[in-house]
Amino acid sequence: MTVKASDLRELLTSDLPDPNLVLVEGRIEVVQVDDLDTDDFRGAMLLLSRAELLARGVDEDSPDAELERQAATISTAVNELGG
């Protein structure tokens, strides 16, 4: 599983209330936090919320290189979990 800079950019620019990046059935999606309790996303692995990403000092204006670095960090953490 690989998180891409474009996934993080989508998370940062999402119009959803309280958007979160999740891994569900082998794909990465941005969903609002309330959707995590629905059948469609039951069992999804929560990777990161927009608030957490912003707390890391990353925002909509961050360069692609920084988003790539953050994406690689997240991918490594998930792969080490066996996700």
C-alpha atoms as a PDB file:
ATOM      1  CA  MET A   1       0.000   0.000   0.000  1.00  0.00           C
ATOM      2  CA  THR A   2       1.396   3.360  -0.984  1.00  0.00           C
ATOM      3  CA  VAL A   3       0.081   6.731   0.080  1.00  0.00           C
ATOM      4  CA  LYS A   4       0.849   9.382  -2.535  1.00  0.00           C
ATOM      5  CA  ALA A   5       1.332  13.112  -2.286  1.00  0.00           C
ATOM      6  CA  SER A   6      -1.867  13.482  -4.313  1.00  0.00           C
ATOM      7  CA  ASP A   7      -3.770  11.582  -1.580  1.00  0.00           C
ATOM      8  CA  LEU A   8      -2.549  14.076   1.002  1.00  0.00           C
ATOM      9  CA  ARG A   9      -3.344  17.019  -1.274  1.00  0.00           C
ATOM     10  CA  GLU A  10      -6.884  15.619  -1.663  1.00  0.00           C
ATOM     11  CA  LEU A  11      -7.174  15.369   2.131  1.00  0.00           C
ATOM     12  CA  LEU A  12      -5.989  18.944   2.588  1.00  0.00           C
ATOM     13  CA  THR A  13      -8.320  20.411  -0.037  1.00  0.00           C
ATOM     14  CA  SER A  14     -11.387  18.313   0.745  1.00  0.00           C
ATOM     15  CA  ASP A  15     -14.699  20.107   1.257  1.00  0.00           C
ATOM     16  CA  LEU A  16     -15.874  17.343   3.599  1.00  0.00           C
ATOM     17  CA  PRO A  17     -16.384  18.173   7.261  1.00  0.00           C
ATOM     18  CA  ASP A  18     -13.523  16.692   9.304  1.00  0.00           C
ATOM     19  CA  PRO A  19     -11.961  14.699   6.432  1.00  0.00           C
ATOM     20  CA  ASN A  20      -9.832  11.638   7.105  1.00  0.00           C
ATOM     21  CA  LEU A  21      -7.546   9.515   4.953  1.00  0.00           C
ATOM     22  CA  VAL A  22      -8.427   5.828   5.224  1.00  0.00           C
ATOM     23  CA  LEU A  23      -7.339   2.521   3.742  1.00  0.00           C
ATOM     24  CA  VAL A  24     -10.340   0.426   2.794  1.00  0.00           C
ATOM     25  CA  GLU A  25     -10.260  -2.767   0.745  1.00  0.00           C
ATOM     26  CA  GLY A  26      -6.810  -1.930  -0.610  1.00  0.00           C
ATOM     27  CA  ARG A  27      -7.590   1.605  -1.731  1.00  0.00           C
ATOM     28  CA  ILE A  28      -6.983   5.026  -0.204  1.00  0.00           C
ATOM     29  CA  GLU A  29      -9.999   7.294   0.246  1.00  0.00           C
ATOM     30  CA  VAL A  30     -10.831  10.613   1.855  1.00  0.00           C
ATOM     31  CA  VAL A  31     -13.992  10.354   3.945  1.00  0.00           C
ATOM     32  CA  GLN A  32     -15.661  12.431   6.598  1.00  0.00           C
ATOM     33  CA  VAL A  33     -15.273  11.120  10.115  1.00  0.00           C
ATOM     34  CA  ASP A  34     -18.987  10.254  10.424  1.00  0.00           C
ATOM     35  CA  ASP A  35     -18.707   7.867   7.453  1.00  0.00           C
ATOM     36  CA  LEU A  36     -16.321   5.639   9.387  1.00  0.00           C
ATOM     37  CA  ASP A  37     -19.314   4.241  11.276  1.00  0.00           C
ATOM     38  CA  THR A  38     -21.157   3.182   8.101  1.00  0.00           C
ATOM     39  CA  ASP A  39     -21.169  -0.285   6.550  1.00  0.00           C
ATOM     40  CA  ASP A  40     -19.240   1.000   3.511  1.00  0.00           C
ATOM     41  CA  PHE A  41     -16.242   1.848   5.668  1.00  0.00           C
ATOM     42  CA  ARG A  42     -16.508  -0.717   8.461  1.00  0.00           C
ATOM     43  CA  GLY A  43     -13.055  -2.175   8.963  1.00  0.00           C
ATOM     44  CA  ALA A  44     -11.313   0.747   7.267  1.00  0.00           C
ATOM     45  CA  MET A  45      -7.924   1.664   8.665  1.00  0.00           C
ATOM     46  CA  LEU A  46      -7.773   5.320   9.669  1.00  0.00           C
ATOM     47  CA  LEU A  47      -4.461   6.686   8.447  1.00  0.00           C
ATOM     48  CA  LEU A  48      -4.600  10.404   9.161  1.00  0.00           C
ATOM     49  CA  SER A  49      -7.014  13.276   9.671  1.00  0.00           C
ATOM     50  CA  ARG A  50      -6.602  16.673   8.065  1.00  0.00           C
ATOM     51  CA  ALA A  51      -6.184  18.131  11.561  1.00  0.00           C
ATOM     52  CA  GLU A  52      -3.270  15.756  12.236  1.00  0.00           C
ATOM     53  CA  LEU A  53      -1.641  16.639   8.937  1.00  0.00           C
ATOM     54  CA  LEU A  54      -2.002  20.356   9.659  1.00  0.00           C
ATOM     55  CA  ALA A  55      -0.472  19.763  13.119  1.00  0.00           C
ATOM     56  CA  ARG A  56       2.581  18.333  11.338  1.00  0.00           C
ATOM     57  CA  GLY A  57       3.035  21.728   9.693  1.00  0.00           C
ATOM     58  CA  VAL A  58       1.707  20.620   6.309  1.00  0.00           C
ATOM     59  CA  ASP A  59      -1.014  22.623   4.570  1.00  0.00           C
ATOM     60  CA  GLU A  60      -2.494  23.351   1.130  1.00  0.00           C
ATOM     61  CA  ASP A  61       0.509  25.512   0.246  1.00  0.00           C
ATOM     62  CA  SER A  62       3.134  22.911   1.148  1.00  0.00           C
ATOM     63  CA  PRO A  63       5.424  21.890  -1.717  1.00  0.00           C
ATOM     64  CA  ASP A  64       5.011  18.513  -3.368  1.00  0.00           C
ATOM     65  CA  ALA A  65       8.355  17.387  -1.911  1.00  0.00           C
ATOM     66  CA  GLU A  66       7.012  17.816   1.633  1.00  0.00           C
ATOM     67  CA  LEU A  67       3.809  15.978   0.764  1.00  0.00           C
ATOM     68  CA  GLU A  68       5.891  13.144  -0.751  1.00  0.00           C
ATOM     69  CA  ARG A  69       7.947  12.933   2.449  1.00  0.00           C
ATOM     70  CA  GLN A  70       4.832  12.779   4.622  1.00  0.00           C
ATOM     71  CA  ALA A  71       3.224  10.225   2.292  1.00  0.00           C
ATOM     72  CA  ALA A  72       6.311   8.000   2.462  1.00  0.00           C
ATOM     73  CA  THR A  73       6.279   8.166   6.265  1.00  0.00           C
ATOM     74  CA  ILE A  74       2.626   7.123   6.404  1.00  0.00           C
ATOM     75  CA  SER A  75       3.145   4.349   3.840  1.00  0.00           C
ATOM     76  CA  THR A  76       6.074   2.944   5.806  1.00  0.00           C
ATOM     77  CA  ALA A  77       4.114   2.958   9.058  1.00  0.00           C
ATOM     78  CA  VAL A  78       1.161   1.127   7.481  1.00  0.00           C
ATOM     79  CA  ASN A  79       3.362  -1.406   5.697  1.00  0.00           C
ATOM     80  CA  GLU A  80       5.124  -2.187   8.985  1.00  0.00           C
ATOM     81  CA  LEU A  81       1.704  -2.954  10.486  1.00  0.00           C
ATOM     82  CA  GLY A  82       1.004  -5.364   7.667  1.00  0.00           C
ATOM     83  CA  GLY A  83      -1.772  -3.165   6.263  1.00  0.00           C
END
